[in-house]
Amino acid sequence: RLYPPVASAAERQRYKEEFGAELRRYRELCAHLDAPRQRLAQLDRQLEREPEGSARYRALAEEYNHLKDVKRSPEYQEKKQESQALRNKLFHIKRMVSDYDKL
């Protein structure tokens, strides 16, 4: 374990600083990952309102398919995995600090 239970106030402070730095990265990743997801949802709603086969429908569908490809890309998947790992790490650090504070 990289983050064993907190044993001192100095260690608690180090954990809190690490938490802050990692939280910033986590938020950056979430923003990067959410943008395509939100745009896909928006495009899906627009596609439902457009007549199939129209020029606008084809343009929206092309963007939709491009974003689906982006979400399947190795870069996106790596960021998604990093985001999940950071979430777990943040949860663990927070728990270690909280456990120390209870003592």
N, C-alpha and C. Protein backbone atom coordinates (compact mmCIF):
# COMPACT_ATOMS: atom_id res chain seq x y z
N ARG A 1 0.83 -1.19 0.00
CA ARG A 1 0.00 0.00 0.00
C ARG A 1 0.87 1.24 0.00
N LEU A 2 0.58 2.13 -0.91
CA LEU A 2 1.31 3.39 -0.97
C LEU A 2 0.86 4.35 0.13
N TYR A 3 -0.34 4.18 0.60
CA TYR A 3 -0.90 5.09 1.60
C TYR A 3 -1.41 4.30 2.80
N PRO A 4 -0.49 3.92 3.69
CA PRO A 4 -0.92 3.21 4.90
C PRO A 4 -1.64 4.17 5.84
N PRO A 5 -2.21 3.67 6.91
CA PRO A 5 -2.90 4.56 7.84
C PRO A 5 -1.99 5.71 8.30
N VAL A 6 -2.58 6.87 8.46
CA VAL A 6 -1.85 8.07 8.86
C VAL A 6 -1.40 7.92 10.31
N ALA A 7 -0.11 8.23 10.56
CA ALA A 7 0.44 8.04 11.90
C ALA A 7 0.82 9.36 12.59
N SER A 8 0.81 10.48 11.85
CA SER A 8 1.21 11.74 12.46
C SER A 8 0.53 12.90 11.74
N ALA A 9 0.59 14.07 12.38
CA ALA A 9 0.01 15.27 11.77
C ALA A 9 0.76 15.65 10.49
N ALA A 10 2.08 15.45 10.48
CA ALA A 10 2.87 15.76 9.29
C ALA A 10 2.48 14.84 8.13
N GLU A 11 2.29 13.58 8.44
CA GLU A 11 1.88 12.62 7.40
C GLU A 11 0.47 12.96 6.90
N ARG A 12 -0.39 13.37 7.82
CA ARG A 12 -1.74 13.78 7.44
C ARG A 12 -1.66 14.94 6.45
N GLN A 13 -0.81 15.92 6.74
CA GLN A 13 -0.65 17.08 5.86
C GLN A 13 -0.13 16.65 4.49
N ARG A 14 0.80 15.72 4.46
CA ARG A 14 1.33 15.22 3.18
C ARG A 14 0.23 14.53 2.37
N TYR A 15 -0.60 13.76 3.05
CA TYR A 15 -1.70 13.10 2.37
C TYR A 15 -2.68 14.13 1.80
N LYS A 16 -2.97 15.17 2.58
CA LYS A 16 -3.90 16.21 2.12
C LYS A 16 -3.34 16.93 0.89
N GLU A 17 -2.05 17.20 0.88
CA GLU A 17 -1.43 17.85 -0.27
C GLU A 17 -1.48 16.94 -1.49
N GLU A 18 -1.19 15.68 -1.29
CA GLU A 18 -1.26 14.70 -2.38
C GLU A 18 -2.70 14.62 -2.91
N PHE A 19 -3.65 14.62 -1.98
CA PHE A 19 -5.06 14.56 -2.36
C PHE A 19 -5.42 15.76 -3.24
N GLY A 20 -4.99 16.96 -2.84
CA GLY A 20 -5.29 18.16 -3.62
C GLY A 20 -4.71 18.11 -5.02
N ALA A 21 -3.48 17.66 -5.13
CA ALA A 21 -2.84 17.56 -6.45
C ALA A 21 -3.54 16.53 -7.32
N GLU A 22 -3.86 15.39 -6.76
CA GLU A 22 -4.52 14.34 -7.53
C GLU A 22 -5.95 14.72 -7.88
N LEU A 23 -6.61 15.46 -6.99
CA LEU A 23 -7.98 15.89 -7.26
C LEU A 23 -8.03 16.82 -8.47
N ARG A 24 -7.04 17.70 -8.58
CA ARG A 24 -6.99 18.58 -9.75
C ARG A 24 -6.87 17.76 -11.03
N ARG A 25 -6.00 16.76 -11.04
CA ARG A 25 -5.83 15.90 -12.22
C ARG A 25 -7.12 15.14 -12.51
N TYR A 26 -7.76 14.62 -11.46
CA TYR A 26 -9.01 13.88 -11.62
C TYR A 26 -10.08 14.76 -12.27
N ARG A 27 -10.19 15.99 -11.82
CA ARG A 27 -11.19 16.91 -12.39
C ARG A 27 -10.89 17.22 -13.85
N GLU A 28 -9.60 17.38 -14.18
CA GLU A 28 -9.22 17.61 -15.58
C GLU A 28 -9.64 16.43 -16.45
N LEU A 29 -9.36 15.24 -15.96
CA LEU A 29 -9.73 14.04 -16.72
C LEU A 29 -11.24 13.94 -16.88
N CYS A 30 -11.97 14.20 -15.82
CA CYS A 30 -13.43 14.13 -15.89
C CYS A 30 -13.98 15.11 -16.92
N ALA A 31 -13.44 16.31 -16.93
CA ALA A 31 -13.90 17.30 -17.91
C ALA A 31 -13.60 16.82 -19.33
N HIS A 32 -12.41 16.25 -19.52
CA HIS A 32 -12.03 15.75 -20.84
C HIS A 32 -12.92 14.59 -21.26
N LEU A 33 -13.24 13.72 -20.33
CA LEU A 33 -14.06 12.55 -20.65
C LEU A 33 -15.53 12.89 -20.81
N ASP A 34 -16.00 13.90 -20.08
CA ASP A 34 -17.42 14.25 -20.13
C ASP A 34 -17.81 14.99 -21.40
N ALA A 35 -16.89 15.74 -21.99
CA ALA A 35 -17.23 16.54 -23.16
C ALA A 35 -17.79 15.69 -24.30
N PRO A 36 -17.12 14.61 -24.71
CA PRO A 36 -17.69 13.78 -25.79
C PRO A 36 -19.02 13.13 -25.38
N ARG A 37 -19.12 12.71 -24.13
CA ARG A 37 -20.35 12.06 -23.66
C ARG A 37 -21.53 13.02 -23.73
N GLN A 38 -21.31 14.24 -23.27
CA GLN A 38 -22.38 15.24 -23.30
C GLN A 38 -22.76 15.61 -24.73
N ARG A 39 -21.76 15.75 -25.59
CA ARG A 39 -22.05 16.10 -26.99
C ARG A 39 -22.79 14.96 -27.68
N LEU A 40 -22.43 13.71 -27.37
CA LEU A 40 -23.14 12.57 -27.94
C LEU A 40 -24.62 12.59 -27.54
N ALA A 41 -24.89 12.88 -26.29
CA ALA A 41 -26.28 12.94 -25.83
C ALA A 41 -27.03 14.05 -26.55
N GLN A 42 -26.37 15.18 -26.73
CA GLN A 42 -26.99 16.30 -27.43
C GLN A 42 -27.27 15.92 -28.90
N LEU A 43 -26.29 15.30 -29.53
CA LEU A 43 -26.47 14.88 -30.93
C LEU A 43 -27.59 13.85 -31.05
N ASP A 44 -27.68 12.95 -30.11
CA ASP A 44 -28.72 11.93 -30.13
C ASP A 44 -30.10 12.59 -30.11
N ARG A 45 -30.26 13.59 -29.25
CA ARG A 45 -31.55 14.29 -29.19
C ARG A 45 -31.84 15.02 -30.50
N GLN A 46 -30.80 15.63 -31.08
CA GLN A 46 -31.00 16.35 -32.35
C GLN A 46 -31.33 15.39 -33.48
N LEU A 47 -30.69 14.23 -33.49
CA LEU A 47 -30.95 13.25 -34.55
C LEU A 47 -32.39 12.76 -34.49
N GLU A 48 -32.95 12.64 -33.31
CA GLU A 48 -34.34 12.18 -33.17
C GLU A 48 -35.32 13.16 -33.79
N ARG A 49 -34.94 14.44 -33.83
CA ARG A 49 -35.85 15.47 -34.36
C ARG A 49 -35.68 15.70 -35.86
N GLU A 50 -34.60 15.22 -36.44
CA GLU A 50 -34.33 15.47 -37.86
C GLU A 50 -34.91 14.34 -38.72
N PRO A 51 -35.39 14.67 -39.90
CA PRO A 51 -35.84 13.62 -40.81
C PRO A 51 -34.64 12.82 -41.31
N GLU A 52 -34.77 11.51 -41.22
CA GLU A 52 -33.68 10.63 -41.67
C GLU A 52 -33.39 10.88 -43.15
N GLY A 53 -32.11 10.94 -43.45
CA GLY A 53 -31.71 11.13 -44.84
C GLY A 53 -31.49 12.58 -45.23
N SER A 54 -31.94 13.51 -44.39
CA SER A 54 -31.73 14.92 -44.72
C SER A 54 -30.24 15.26 -44.59
N ALA A 55 -29.85 16.36 -45.21
CA ALA A 55 -28.44 16.78 -45.15
C ALA A 55 -28.03 17.06 -43.70
N ARG A 56 -28.89 17.69 -42.95
CA ARG A 56 -28.59 17.98 -41.54
C ARG A 56 -28.45 16.69 -40.75
N TYR A 57 -29.33 15.73 -41.01
CA TYR A 57 -29.27 14.44 -40.31
C TYR A 57 -27.93 13.76 -40.60
N ARG A 58 -27.52 13.77 -41.86
CA ARG A 58 -26.25 13.13 -42.23
C ARG A 58 -25.07 13.81 -41.55
N ALA A 59 -25.09 15.14 -41.47
CA ALA A 59 -24.00 15.87 -40.82
C ALA A 59 -23.95 15.55 -39.32
N LEU A 60 -25.11 15.53 -38.70
CA LEU A 60 -25.17 15.19 -37.27
C LEU A 60 -24.72 13.75 -37.04
N ALA A 61 -25.15 12.85 -37.91
CA ALA A 61 -24.78 11.44 -37.77
C ALA A 61 -23.27 11.26 -37.96
N GLU A 62 -22.70 12.01 -38.85
CA GLU A 62 -21.25 11.93 -39.07
C GLU A 62 -20.49 12.38 -37.82
N GLU A 63 -20.92 13.47 -37.22
CA GLU A 63 -20.28 13.94 -35.98
C GLU A 63 -20.49 12.92 -34.86
N TYR A 64 -21.70 12.38 -34.79
CA TYR A 64 -22.01 11.38 -33.77
C TYR A 64 -21.08 10.17 -33.90
N ASN A 65 -20.93 9.67 -35.11
CA ASN A 65 -20.07 8.50 -35.33
C ASN A 65 -18.60 8.82 -35.04
N HIS A 66 -18.18 10.04 -35.36
CA HIS A 66 -16.81 10.45 -35.06
C HIS A 66 -16.58 10.44 -33.54
N LEU A 67 -17.53 10.97 -32.79
CA LEU A 67 -17.38 11.00 -31.33
C LEU A 67 -17.41 9.59 -30.73
N LYS A 68 -18.18 8.71 -31.31
CA LYS A 68 -18.19 7.31 -30.86
C LYS A 68 -16.81 6.70 -31.07
N ASP A 69 -16.18 7.02 -32.20
CA ASP A 69 -14.82 6.54 -32.47
C ASP A 69 -13.83 7.13 -31.46
N VAL A 70 -14.00 8.40 -31.12
CA VAL A 70 -13.13 9.04 -30.13
C VAL A 70 -13.23 8.30 -28.80
N LYS A 71 -14.44 7.95 -28.40
CA LYS A 71 -14.63 7.25 -27.12
C LYS A 71 -14.02 5.84 -27.13
N ARG A 72 -13.89 5.27 -28.31
CA ARG A 72 -13.28 3.93 -28.42
C ARG A 72 -11.77 3.99 -28.60
N SER A 73 -11.23 5.18 -28.78
CA SER A 73 -9.80 5.32 -29.05
C SER A 73 -8.97 4.91 -27.83
N PRO A 74 -7.75 4.42 -28.09
CA PRO A 74 -6.87 4.03 -26.98
C PRO A 74 -6.59 5.19 -26.02
N GLU A 75 -6.41 6.39 -26.56
CA GLU A 75 -6.14 7.56 -25.70
C GLU A 75 -7.29 7.81 -24.73
N TYR A 76 -8.51 7.78 -25.25
CA TYR A 76 -9.69 8.01 -24.41
C TYR A 76 -9.81 6.90 -23.36
N GLN A 77 -9.59 5.66 -23.78
CA GLN A 77 -9.70 4.54 -22.86
C GLN A 77 -8.63 4.62 -21.76
N GLU A 78 -7.43 5.05 -22.12
CA GLU A 78 -6.36 5.21 -21.12
C GLU A 78 -6.74 6.28 -20.10
N LYS A 79 -7.30 7.38 -20.59
CA LYS A 79 -7.72 8.45 -19.67
C LYS A 79 -8.86 7.99 -18.79
N LYS A 80 -9.73 7.18 -19.34
CA LYS A 80 -10.83 6.64 -18.54
C LYS A 80 -10.30 5.73 -17.43
N GLN A 81 -9.34 4.90 -17.76
CA GLN A 81 -8.73 4.02 -16.75
C GLN A 81 -7.98 4.84 -15.70
N GLU A 82 -7.25 5.86 -16.16
CA GLU A 82 -6.53 6.72 -15.22
C GLU A 82 -7.52 7.41 -14.28
N SER A 83 -8.62 7.85 -14.82
CA SER A 83 -9.65 8.51 -14.02
C SER A 83 -10.19 7.56 -12.94
N GLN A 84 -10.45 6.33 -13.32
CA GLN A 84 -10.97 5.35 -12.36
C GLN A 84 -9.94 5.03 -11.28
N ALA A 85 -8.68 4.92 -11.69
CA ALA A 85 -7.61 4.65 -10.71
C ALA A 85 -7.45 5.83 -9.76
N LEU A 86 -7.50 7.04 -10.28
CA LEU A 86 -7.39 8.22 -9.43
C LEU A 86 -8.56 8.31 -8.46
N ARG A 87 -9.74 7.97 -8.94
CA ARG A 87 -10.92 8.01 -8.07
C ARG A 87 -10.73 7.07 -6.89
N ASN A 88 -10.24 5.87 -7.16
CA ASN A 88 -9.99 4.91 -6.09
C ASN A 88 -8.91 5.41 -5.14
N LYS A 89 -7.87 5.99 -5.69
CA LYS A 89 -6.77 6.52 -4.88
C LYS A 89 -7.27 7.65 -3.99
N LEU A 90 -8.04 8.57 -4.55
CA LEU A 90 -8.58 9.68 -3.78
C LEU A 90 -9.48 9.18 -2.66
N PHE A 91 -10.31 8.22 -2.96
CA PHE A 91 -11.19 7.65 -1.95
C PHE A 91 -10.37 7.05 -0.81
N HIS A 92 -9.31 6.33 -1.14
CA HIS A 92 -8.47 5.69 -0.13
C HIS A 92 -7.76 6.75 0.73
N ILE A 93 -7.16 7.75 0.10
CA ILE A 93 -6.46 8.80 0.85
C ILE A 93 -7.44 9.50 1.80
N LYS A 94 -8.61 9.80 1.28
CA LYS A 94 -9.61 10.47 2.11
C LYS A 94 -10.00 9.62 3.31
N ARG A 95 -10.12 8.34 3.08
CA ARG A 95 -10.46 7.43 4.19
C ARG A 95 -9.36 7.37 5.22
N MET A 96 -8.10 7.35 4.76
CA MET A 96 -6.97 7.30 5.70
C MET A 96 -6.92 8.58 6.56
N VAL A 97 -7.14 9.73 5.95
CA VAL A 97 -7.15 10.98 6.69
C VAL A 97 -8.33 11.02 7.65
N SER A 98 -9.47 10.59 7.18
CA SER A 98 -10.68 10.58 8.02
C SER A 98 -10.48 9.65 9.22
N ASP A 99 -9.91 8.49 8.99
CA ASP A 99 -9.65 7.55 10.11
C ASP A 99 -8.71 8.18 11.12
N TYR A 100 -7.69 8.89 10.65
CA TYR A 100 -6.74 9.56 11.56
C TYR A 100 -7.48 10.64 12.36
N ASP A 101 -8.34 11.40 11.70
CA ASP A 101 -9.06 12.47 12.38
C ASP A 101 -9.99 11.94 13.46
N LYS A 102 -10.49 10.74 13.29
CA LYS A 102 -11.40 10.16 14.29
C LYS A 102 -10.67 9.76 15.56
N LEU A 103 -9.36 9.53 15.44
CA LEU A 103 -8.57 9.12 16.62
C LEU A 103 -8.22 10.26 17.44
